[in-house]
């Protein structure tokens, strides 16, 4: 069963905790480019991050079906990644955190 747009929106608001400019700046870093799968040179998470920046800069009422679909994918990814748990120490500079940040979630930010 797929989630309703209301459910996706609520989870998105809670989980995607990086501001558009903050995420855009992060995506320009070497650390951002160093994580994730990258058969074509840019990882899936990095591509997702660029889409997330556009979505966060779009009014809710103007979101396209494709953007809603991507939001659902992002929410699912972040939830799965968080459920795996991060490293016991050194979270700040971990690939685990950097991967999540490519998807718009910084686990070091307070909830």
Protein backbone atom coordinates (compact mmCIF):
# COMPACT_ATOMS: atom_id res chain seq x y z
CA UNK A 1 0.00 0.00 0.00
CA UNK A 2 1.42 3.37 -0.94
CA UNK A 3 1.39 6.33 1.39
CA UNK A 4 -0.95 9.24 0.96
CA UNK A 5 0.44 12.61 -0.01
CA UNK A 6 -0.41 13.86 3.47
CA UNK A 7 1.67 11.07 5.03
CA UNK A 8 4.55 11.69 2.63
CA UNK A 9 4.42 15.43 3.34
CA UNK A 10 4.43 14.94 7.10
CA UNK A 11 7.39 12.53 7.00
CA UNK A 12 9.22 14.73 4.48
CA UNK A 13 8.87 17.75 6.75
CA UNK A 14 10.27 15.76 9.67
CA UNK A 15 13.08 13.88 7.90
CA UNK A 16 14.40 16.27 5.24
CA UNK A 17 15.96 18.65 7.72
CA UNK A 18 18.47 20.48 5.53
CA UNK A 19 17.53 23.84 4.02
CA UNK A 20 17.78 24.12 0.22
CA UNK A 21 20.91 26.31 0.24
CA UNK A 22 22.53 24.19 2.94
CA UNK A 23 21.94 21.04 0.89
CA UNK A 24 23.09 22.73 -2.31
CA UNK A 25 26.32 23.84 -0.61
CA UNK A 26 26.83 20.32 0.79
CA UNK A 27 26.41 18.77 -2.66
CA UNK A 28 29.36 20.89 -3.87
CA UNK A 29 31.75 19.30 -1.36
CA UNK A 30 34.25 16.51 -1.99
CA UNK A 31 32.70 14.56 0.90
CA UNK A 32 29.32 14.59 -0.81
CA UNK A 33 30.80 13.21 -4.03
CA UNK A 34 32.79 10.53 -2.19
CA UNK A 35 29.81 8.44 -0.97
CA UNK A 36 27.26 6.23 -2.67
CA UNK A 37 27.09 4.12 -5.78
CA UNK A 38 28.42 5.85 -8.88
CA UNK A 39 28.40 3.79 -12.07
CA UNK A 40 27.96 6.95 -14.11
CA UNK A 41 30.14 9.31 -12.08
CA UNK A 42 27.37 10.75 -9.92
CA UNK A 43 25.86 8.67 -7.13
CA UNK A 44 22.16 7.99 -6.81
CA UNK A 45 22.09 9.97 -3.56
CA UNK A 46 23.84 12.94 -5.12
CA UNK A 47 21.34 13.04 -7.99
CA UNK A 48 18.57 12.75 -5.43
CA UNK A 49 20.01 15.69 -3.50
CA UNK A 50 19.77 17.93 -6.55
CA UNK A 51 16.10 16.92 -6.98
CA UNK A 52 15.46 17.56 -3.27
CA UNK A 53 16.81 21.12 -3.56
CA UNK A 54 14.31 21.80 -6.38
CA UNK A 55 11.46 20.21 -4.44
CA UNK A 56 12.22 22.24 -1.31
CA UNK A 57 12.14 25.41 -3.42
CA UNK A 58 8.72 24.50 -4.86
CA UNK A 59 5.41 25.41 -3.24
CA UNK A 60 3.52 22.34 -2.02
CA UNK A 61 0.56 23.07 -4.32
CA UNK A 62 2.90 23.25 -7.34
CA UNK A 63 4.65 19.90 -6.82
CA UNK A 64 4.47 17.56 -9.79
CA UNK A 65 3.54 13.87 -9.68
CA UNK A 66 7.21 13.05 -10.30
CA UNK A 67 8.26 15.22 -7.35
CA UNK A 68 5.71 13.57 -5.06
CA UNK A 69 7.02 10.19 -6.16
CA UNK A 70 10.59 11.24 -5.44
CA UNK A 71 9.58 12.57 -2.03
CA UNK A 72 8.18 9.14 -1.19
CA UNK A 73 11.43 7.53 -2.31
CA UNK A 74 13.47 9.96 -0.18
CA UNK A 75 11.34 9.31 2.92
CA UNK A 76 11.73 5.56 2.42
CA UNK A 77 15.50 5.80 1.94
CA UNK A 78 16.05 7.98 5.01
CA UNK A 79 13.88 5.71 7.19
CA UNK A 80 15.74 2.58 6.02
CA UNK A 81 19.15 4.20 6.44
CA UNK A 82 18.34 5.45 9.94
CA UNK A 83 17.03 2.01 10.91
CA UNK A 84 20.43 0.52 10.03
CA UNK A 85 21.98 2.73 12.67
CA UNK A 86 25.16 4.69 12.31
CA UNK A 87 28.67 4.08 13.53
CA UNK A 88 29.21 3.89 17.27
CA UNK A 89 31.74 6.73 17.10
CA UNK A 90 32.91 9.26 14.57
CA UNK A 91 29.43 9.95 13.17
CA UNK A 92 30.33 13.51 12.16
CA UNK A 93 32.75 12.46 9.42
CA UNK A 94 31.22 9.08 8.61
CA UNK A 95 30.11 7.87 5.18
CA UNK A 96 26.81 6.95 6.87
CA UNK A 97 26.11 10.59 7.76
CA UNK A 98 27.40 11.91 4.44
CA UNK A 99 25.13 9.54 2.54
CA UNK A 100 22.12 10.69 4.55
CA UNK A 101 23.07 14.30 3.94
CA UNK A 102 23.02 13.68 0.18
CA UNK A 103 19.38 12.70 0.71
CA UNK A 104 18.68 15.91 2.70
CA UNK A 105 18.91 14.53 6.24
CA UNK A 106 21.64 15.50 8.68
CA UNK A 107 21.43 13.08 11.63
CA UNK A 108 23.40 15.49 13.83
CA UNK A 109 20.67 18.12 13.70
CA UNK A 110 18.34 18.03 16.67
CA UNK A 111 14.85 16.77 15.94
